[in-house]
Amino acid sequence: MSLQRVSLAIIPAAAERHTTPTAGFWIFDEETAQVETVSAELTITQYREIALYARKFALLARSAVTGSAARALITQAMASLPVPVT
């Protein structure tokens, strides 16, 4: 969580939902996105379609926590495991 070029955000189970999750997706830039479905990995190159995923990401981000709040969720999850994590 201390890396400058990496951002970790977690959507808590109790968070207000602004949208529902979809298939996993990665937005690389304004020209390429990838979507992972059950049966295939799709490479999206149409600007309008990439913009749909960018809007979806923005909605998911509204429900997410970062920084110390995300760290607290991770610590809480680790503490609830039956075997201590070292």
N, C-alpha and C. Protein backbone atom coordinates (compact mmCIF):
# COMPACT_ATOMS: atom_id res chain seq x y z
N MET A 1 0.81 -1.19 0.00
CA MET A 1 0.00 0.00 0.00
C MET A 1 0.85 1.26 0.00
N SER A 2 2.15 1.09 0.14
CA SER A 2 3.01 2.27 0.17
C SER A 2 3.70 2.52 -1.16
N LEU A 3 3.38 1.75 -2.19
CA LEU A 3 3.97 1.96 -3.50
C LEU A 3 3.28 3.13 -4.19
N GLN A 4 4.04 4.07 -4.71
CA GLN A 4 3.48 5.27 -5.31
C GLN A 4 2.69 4.99 -6.58
N ARG A 5 3.07 3.99 -7.35
CA ARG A 5 2.43 3.72 -8.63
C ARG A 5 1.34 2.66 -8.54
N VAL A 6 1.03 2.21 -7.33
CA VAL A 6 0.02 1.17 -7.14
C VAL A 6 -1.05 1.70 -6.20
N SER A 7 -2.28 1.47 -6.58
CA SER A 7 -3.40 1.86 -5.73
C SER A 7 -4.26 0.64 -5.47
N LEU A 8 -4.57 0.38 -4.23
CA LEU A 8 -5.40 -0.76 -3.85
C LEU A 8 -6.69 -0.21 -3.25
N ALA A 9 -7.80 -0.63 -3.78
CA ALA A 9 -9.10 -0.23 -3.25
C ALA A 9 -9.93 -1.49 -3.04
N ILE A 10 -10.69 -1.50 -1.97
CA ILE A 10 -11.50 -2.66 -1.62
C ILE A 10 -12.95 -2.20 -1.44
N ILE A 11 -13.87 -2.97 -1.99
CA ILE A 11 -15.28 -2.68 -1.77
C ILE A 11 -15.73 -3.52 -0.58
N PRO A 12 -16.02 -2.88 0.56
CA PRO A 12 -16.46 -3.62 1.74
C PRO A 12 -17.81 -4.31 1.48
N ALA A 13 -18.03 -5.43 2.14
CA ALA A 13 -19.29 -6.16 1.98
C ALA A 13 -20.49 -5.30 2.32
N ALA A 14 -20.36 -4.41 3.28
CA ALA A 14 -21.48 -3.58 3.72
C ALA A 14 -21.59 -2.25 2.99
N ALA A 15 -20.75 -2.04 1.98
CA ALA A 15 -20.73 -0.74 1.28
C ALA A 15 -22.01 -0.52 0.49
N GLU A 16 -22.37 0.76 0.37
CA GLU A 16 -23.48 1.12 -0.51
C GLU A 16 -23.06 0.81 -1.94
N ARG A 17 -23.91 0.14 -2.67
CA ARG A 17 -23.58 -0.26 -4.04
C ARG A 17 -24.11 0.78 -5.03
N HIS A 18 -23.21 1.29 -5.86
CA HIS A 18 -23.60 2.23 -6.91
C HIS A 18 -23.78 1.51 -8.24
N THR A 19 -23.33 0.26 -8.30
CA THR A 19 -23.47 -0.59 -9.47
C THR A 19 -23.20 -2.02 -9.04
N THR A 20 -23.52 -2.97 -9.87
CA THR A 20 -23.24 -4.36 -9.56
C THR A 20 -21.96 -4.78 -10.28
N PRO A 21 -21.21 -5.71 -9.68
CA PRO A 21 -19.99 -6.18 -10.35
C PRO A 21 -20.34 -6.89 -11.66
N THR A 22 -19.41 -6.88 -12.56
CA THR A 22 -19.56 -7.59 -13.83
C THR A 22 -18.37 -8.52 -13.96
N ALA A 23 -18.13 -8.97 -15.16
CA ALA A 23 -16.93 -9.77 -15.41
C ALA A 23 -15.70 -8.92 -15.09
N GLY A 24 -14.60 -9.58 -14.78
CA GLY A 24 -13.37 -8.85 -14.51
C GLY A 24 -12.92 -8.10 -15.75
N PHE A 25 -12.41 -6.89 -15.54
CA PHE A 25 -11.92 -6.12 -16.69
C PHE A 25 -10.73 -5.28 -16.29
N TRP A 26 -9.90 -4.98 -17.27
CA TRP A 26 -8.72 -4.16 -17.10
C TRP A 26 -8.73 -3.08 -18.17
N ILE A 27 -8.52 -1.85 -17.77
CA ILE A 27 -8.43 -0.75 -18.72
C ILE A 27 -6.95 -0.35 -18.76
N PHE A 28 -6.32 -0.55 -19.89
CA PHE A 28 -4.90 -0.26 -20.02
C PHE A 28 -4.66 1.21 -20.37
N ASP A 29 -5.48 1.74 -21.24
CA ASP A 29 -5.38 3.14 -21.66
C ASP A 29 -6.66 3.46 -22.43
N GLU A 30 -6.67 4.56 -23.16
CA GLU A 30 -7.87 4.95 -23.90
C GLU A 30 -8.07 4.13 -25.18
N GLU A 31 -7.13 3.24 -25.45
CA GLU A 31 -7.20 2.46 -26.69
C GLU A 31 -7.43 0.97 -26.48
N THR A 32 -7.21 0.48 -25.25
CA THR A 32 -7.31 -0.96 -25.04
C THR A 32 -7.85 -1.29 -23.65
N ALA A 33 -8.80 -2.20 -23.64
CA ALA A 33 -9.30 -2.79 -22.40
C ALA A 33 -9.46 -4.28 -22.64
N GLN A 34 -9.38 -5.06 -21.57
CA GLN A 34 -9.62 -6.50 -21.69
C GLN A 34 -10.72 -6.88 -20.71
N VAL A 35 -11.55 -7.79 -21.17
CA VAL A 35 -12.66 -8.30 -20.36
C VAL A 35 -12.52 -9.80 -20.29
N GLU A 36 -12.62 -10.34 -19.08
CA GLU A 36 -12.51 -11.77 -18.88
C GLU A 36 -13.89 -12.34 -18.60
N THR A 37 -14.37 -13.21 -19.48
CA THR A 37 -15.66 -13.85 -19.28
C THR A 37 -15.43 -15.31 -18.92
N VAL A 38 -16.49 -16.03 -18.72
CA VAL A 38 -16.38 -17.45 -18.37
C VAL A 38 -15.70 -18.24 -19.48
N SER A 39 -15.97 -17.86 -20.73
CA SER A 39 -15.47 -18.67 -21.83
C SER A 39 -14.37 -18.03 -22.68
N ALA A 40 -14.09 -16.74 -22.46
CA ALA A 40 -13.11 -16.09 -23.33
C ALA A 40 -12.56 -14.82 -22.70
N GLU A 41 -11.43 -14.40 -23.22
CA GLU A 41 -10.87 -13.09 -22.87
C GLU A 41 -11.04 -12.20 -24.10
N LEU A 42 -11.68 -11.05 -23.90
CA LEU A 42 -11.98 -10.16 -25.01
C LEU A 42 -11.08 -8.93 -24.95
N THR A 43 -10.54 -8.53 -26.07
CA THR A 43 -9.78 -7.29 -26.15
C THR A 43 -10.68 -6.25 -26.80
N ILE A 44 -10.93 -5.18 -26.06
CA ILE A 44 -11.81 -4.12 -26.52
C ILE A 44 -10.95 -2.96 -27.03
N THR A 45 -11.24 -2.50 -28.24
CA THR A 45 -10.46 -1.40 -28.81
C THR A 45 -11.34 -0.24 -29.27
N GLN A 46 -12.63 -0.36 -29.20
CA GLN A 46 -13.53 0.72 -29.59
C GLN A 46 -13.65 1.72 -28.45
N TYR A 47 -13.39 2.99 -28.75
CA TYR A 47 -13.39 4.03 -27.72
C TYR A 47 -14.70 4.04 -26.93
N ARG A 48 -15.84 3.95 -27.61
CA ARG A 48 -17.14 3.99 -26.91
C ARG A 48 -17.30 2.84 -25.93
N GLU A 49 -16.80 1.67 -26.30
CA GLU A 49 -16.90 0.51 -25.41
C GLU A 49 -15.95 0.65 -24.23
N ILE A 50 -14.75 1.16 -24.47
CA ILE A 50 -13.80 1.39 -23.37
C ILE A 50 -14.39 2.41 -22.41
N ALA A 51 -15.06 3.41 -22.93
CA ALA A 51 -15.70 4.43 -22.08
C ALA A 51 -16.76 3.81 -21.17
N LEU A 52 -17.46 2.78 -21.64
CA LEU A 52 -18.44 2.09 -20.79
C LEU A 52 -17.76 1.46 -19.58
N TYR A 53 -16.61 0.83 -19.81
CA TYR A 53 -15.87 0.22 -18.71
C TYR A 53 -15.28 1.27 -17.78
N ALA A 54 -14.87 2.39 -18.33
CA ALA A 54 -14.35 3.49 -17.49
C ALA A 54 -15.46 4.02 -16.58
N ARG A 55 -16.67 4.14 -17.10
CA ARG A 55 -17.80 4.58 -16.25
C ARG A 55 -18.12 3.54 -15.20
N LYS A 56 -18.07 2.26 -15.56
CA LYS A 56 -18.32 1.19 -14.61
C LYS A 56 -17.28 1.23 -13.49
N PHE A 57 -16.01 1.43 -13.87
CA PHE A 57 -14.95 1.51 -12.88
C PHE A 57 -15.19 2.68 -11.92
N ALA A 58 -15.58 3.82 -12.45
CA ALA A 58 -15.85 4.99 -11.61
C ALA A 58 -16.97 4.71 -10.61
N LEU A 59 -17.99 3.99 -11.03
CA LEU A 59 -19.09 3.65 -10.11
C LEU A 59 -18.61 2.67 -9.04
N LEU A 60 -17.81 1.68 -9.43
CA LEU A 60 -17.28 0.73 -8.45
C LEU A 60 -16.37 1.46 -7.45
N ALA A 61 -15.58 2.40 -7.94
CA ALA A 61 -14.66 3.14 -7.08
C ALA A 61 -15.40 3.95 -6.02
N ARG A 62 -16.61 4.39 -6.32
CA ARG A 62 -17.40 5.15 -5.34
C ARG A 62 -17.74 4.32 -4.11
N SER A 63 -17.80 2.99 -4.26
CA SER A 63 -18.12 2.10 -3.15
C SER A 63 -16.88 1.63 -2.40
N ALA A 64 -15.71 1.89 -2.95
CA ALA A 64 -14.47 1.33 -2.41
C ALA A 64 -13.82 2.22 -1.36
N VAL A 65 -13.00 1.58 -0.54
CA VAL A 65 -12.18 2.29 0.43
C VAL A 65 -10.71 2.06 0.09
N THR A 66 -9.87 3.01 0.47
CA THR A 66 -8.43 2.92 0.22
C THR A 66 -7.68 3.25 1.50
N GLY A 67 -6.36 3.22 1.42
CA GLY A 67 -5.53 3.65 2.53
C GLY A 67 -5.77 2.87 3.81
N SER A 68 -5.86 3.59 4.93
CA SER A 68 -5.99 2.93 6.24
C SER A 68 -7.29 2.15 6.36
N ALA A 69 -8.35 2.60 5.70
CA ALA A 69 -9.62 1.85 5.75
C ALA A 69 -9.48 0.50 5.04
N ALA A 70 -8.78 0.48 3.91
CA ALA A 70 -8.55 -0.78 3.20
C ALA A 70 -7.63 -1.68 4.02
N ARG A 71 -6.60 -1.08 4.62
CA ARG A 71 -5.67 -1.85 5.46
C ARG A 71 -6.42 -2.48 6.64
N ALA A 72 -7.35 -1.76 7.22
CA ALA A 72 -8.13 -2.29 8.34
C ALA A 72 -8.98 -3.48 7.90
N LEU A 73 -9.57 -3.40 6.72
CA LEU A 73 -10.36 -4.53 6.21
C LEU A 73 -9.49 -5.76 5.99
N ILE A 74 -8.29 -5.55 5.43
CA ILE A 74 -7.38 -6.67 5.21
C ILE A 74 -6.96 -7.29 6.53
N THR A 75 -6.61 -6.45 7.50
CA THR A 75 -6.20 -6.94 8.82
C THR A 75 -7.33 -7.71 9.48
N GLN A 76 -8.54 -7.20 9.37
CA GLN A 76 -9.72 -7.87 9.93
C GLN A 76 -9.94 -9.22 9.27
N ALA A 77 -9.81 -9.29 7.96
CA ALA A 77 -9.99 -10.55 7.24
C ALA A 77 -8.92 -11.56 7.63
N MET A 78 -7.68 -11.10 7.75
CA MET A 78 -6.60 -12.00 8.16
C MET A 78 -6.83 -12.55 9.58
N ALA A 79 -7.32 -11.69 10.47
CA ALA A 79 -7.55 -12.12 11.85
C ALA A 79 -8.68 -13.15 11.94
N SER A 80 -9.58 -13.14 10.97
CA SER A 80 -10.71 -14.07 11.02
C SER A 80 -10.37 -15.44 10.46
N LEU A 81 -9.18 -15.59 9.86
CA LEU A 81 -8.78 -16.89 9.31
C LEU A 81 -8.51 -17.87 10.43
N PRO A 82 -8.82 -19.15 10.21
CA PRO A 82 -8.61 -20.15 11.28
C PRO A 82 -7.14 -20.37 11.63
N VAL A 83 -6.25 -20.13 10.68
CA VAL A 83 -4.82 -20.32 10.92
C VAL A 83 -4.16 -18.95 10.83
N PRO A 84 -3.36 -18.56 11.81
CA PRO A 84 -2.71 -17.25 11.76
C PRO A 84 -1.86 -17.09 10.50
N VAL A 85 -1.94 -15.93 9.88
CA VAL A 85 -1.14 -15.63 8.70
C VAL A 85 0.11 -14.89 9.16
N THR A 86 1.28 -15.39 8.71
CA THR A 86 2.53 -14.73 9.10
C THR A 86 3.22 -14.16 7.91
